[in-house]
Protein backbone atom coordinates (compact mmCIF):
# COMPACT_ATOMS: atom_id res chain seq x y z
CA MET A 1 0.00 0.00 0.00
CA SER A 2 1.28 3.42 -0.98
CA PHE A 3 1.88 6.06 1.69
CA TYR A 4 -0.48 8.32 -0.25
CA GLN A 5 -3.74 7.39 -1.90
CA HIS A 6 -2.70 9.64 -4.79
CA HIS A 7 0.72 11.17 -5.45
CA VAL A 8 0.59 13.91 -8.09
CA PHE A 9 3.69 15.12 -9.90
CA PHE A 10 3.60 18.41 -11.81
CA CYS A 11 6.34 18.86 -14.37
CA THR A 12 7.73 22.32 -13.66
CA ASN A 13 10.84 21.98 -15.79
CA GLN A 14 12.29 25.09 -17.42
CA ARG A 15 14.58 24.60 -20.41
CA GLU A 16 17.48 27.03 -20.57
CA ASP A 17 17.61 26.93 -24.38
CA GLY A 18 14.06 28.25 -24.79
CA ALA A 19 12.67 24.94 -26.06
CA GLU A 20 9.14 23.81 -25.21
CA CYS A 21 8.75 23.06 -21.51
CA CYS A 22 6.02 22.94 -18.90
CA ALA A 23 7.33 26.07 -17.14
CA LYS A 24 6.20 28.10 -20.19
CA PHE A 25 2.62 27.14 -19.30
CA ASN A 26 2.68 28.53 -15.75
CA ALA A 27 3.22 25.04 -14.30
CA LYS A 28 4.53 26.22 -10.91
CA ALA A 29 1.50 28.45 -10.33
CA MET A 30 -0.81 25.61 -11.35
CA ARG A 31 0.99 23.26 -8.95
CA ASP A 32 0.61 25.83 -6.18
CA TYR A 33 -3.08 26.18 -6.99
CA ALA A 34 -3.60 22.39 -6.87
CA LYS A 35 -1.81 22.13 -3.54
CA LYS A 36 -3.85 25.00 -2.09
CA ARG A 37 -7.12 23.54 -3.37
CA CYS A 38 -6.31 20.09 -1.96
CA LYS A 39 -5.52 21.67 1.42
CA GLU A 40 -8.85 23.53 1.33
CA LEU A 41 -10.62 20.23 0.66
CA GLY A 42 -8.75 18.55 3.52
CA ILE A 43 -7.19 15.92 1.26
CA HIS A 44 -3.55 17.12 1.19
CA GLU A 45 -2.08 14.97 3.95
CA ALA A 46 -0.49 11.60 4.68
CA GLY A 47 -2.69 8.76 3.53
CA LYS A 48 -4.58 10.99 1.10
CA VAL A 49 -3.07 13.26 -1.57
CA ARG A 50 0.40 14.70 -2.06
CA ILE A 51 1.18 17.33 -4.71
CA ASN A 52 4.84 17.56 -5.78
CA ASN A 53 7.15 19.18 -8.32
CA ALA A 54 8.89 17.03 -10.87
CA GLY A 55 11.73 17.78 -13.18
CA CYS A 56 11.31 16.99 -16.84
CA LEU A 57 8.89 14.11 -17.39
CA ASN A 58 9.94 13.86 -21.07
CA ARG A 59 6.51 14.63 -22.54
CA CYS A 60 7.31 18.21 -23.50
CA SER A 61 5.31 18.14 -26.72
CA GLU A 62 2.18 17.26 -24.75
CA GLY A 63 2.73 19.76 -21.96
CA PRO A 64 2.03 20.98 -19.54
CA VAL A 65 1.78 17.58 -17.90
CA ILE A 66 1.09 15.92 -14.59
CA VAL A 67 1.06 12.26 -13.63
CA VAL A 68 -1.02 10.72 -10.84
CA TYR A 69 0.29 7.65 -9.02
CA PRO A 70 -0.21 4.88 -8.13
CA GLU A 71 -2.49 4.64 -11.19
CA GLY A 72 0.07 6.16 -13.57
CA VAL A 73 -2.55 8.39 -15.22
CA TRP A 74 -1.04 11.20 -17.32
CA TYR A 75 -2.81 14.49 -17.91
CA SER A 76 -2.31 17.68 -19.83
CA TYR A 77 -4.17 20.77 -18.66
CA VAL A 78 -4.90 24.32 -19.76
CA ASP A 79 -6.32 26.19 -16.78
CA ARG A 80 -7.57 26.04 -13.20
CA GLU A 81 -10.85 24.52 -14.32
CA ASP A 82 -8.93 21.53 -15.70
CA ILE A 83 -7.03 21.21 -12.42
CA ASP A 84 -10.32 21.41 -10.51
CA ASP A 85 -11.73 18.60 -12.67
CA ILE A 86 -8.69 16.41 -11.96
CA ILE A 87 -8.95 17.10 -8.23
CA GLU A 88 -12.70 16.60 -7.97
CA GLN A 89 -13.15 13.71 -10.38
CA HIS A 90 -9.90 11.76 -9.97
CA LEU A 91 -8.41 12.61 -6.59
CA VAL A 92 -11.71 12.86 -4.70
CA GLY A 93 -14.04 10.78 -6.86
CA GLY A 94 -11.62 8.10 -8.02
CA GLN A 95 -12.50 8.48 -11.72
CA PRO A 96 -9.82 9.62 -14.18
CA VAL A 97 -10.76 12.60 -16.34
CA LYS A 98 -10.77 11.08 -19.83
CA ARG A 99 -10.84 14.39 -21.73
CA LEU A 100 -7.54 15.49 -20.15
CA GLN A 101 -5.65 12.19 -20.36
CA ILE A 102 -2.64 11.79 -22.63
């Protein structure tokens, strides 16, 4: 059994050469928003949900990306509404958000 029910990794990588990267899509702010929202919902704690940074997840062309473990579900997102859907449907409701999966 995993220490967390869901462990979410946000790629926040910034490429020095100006190439495509998740940082260009405000990934750190979106990660911060997800963490804040999970805390507000009371699910950001041991045994529940953990939101973390990740370096490059090597899916730059599909970015910005996050991956949710232990399921290994990959998502791309555009805005806070997408993050809210992932939190509410997947992290709380247990159902992956098909429209955002990659």
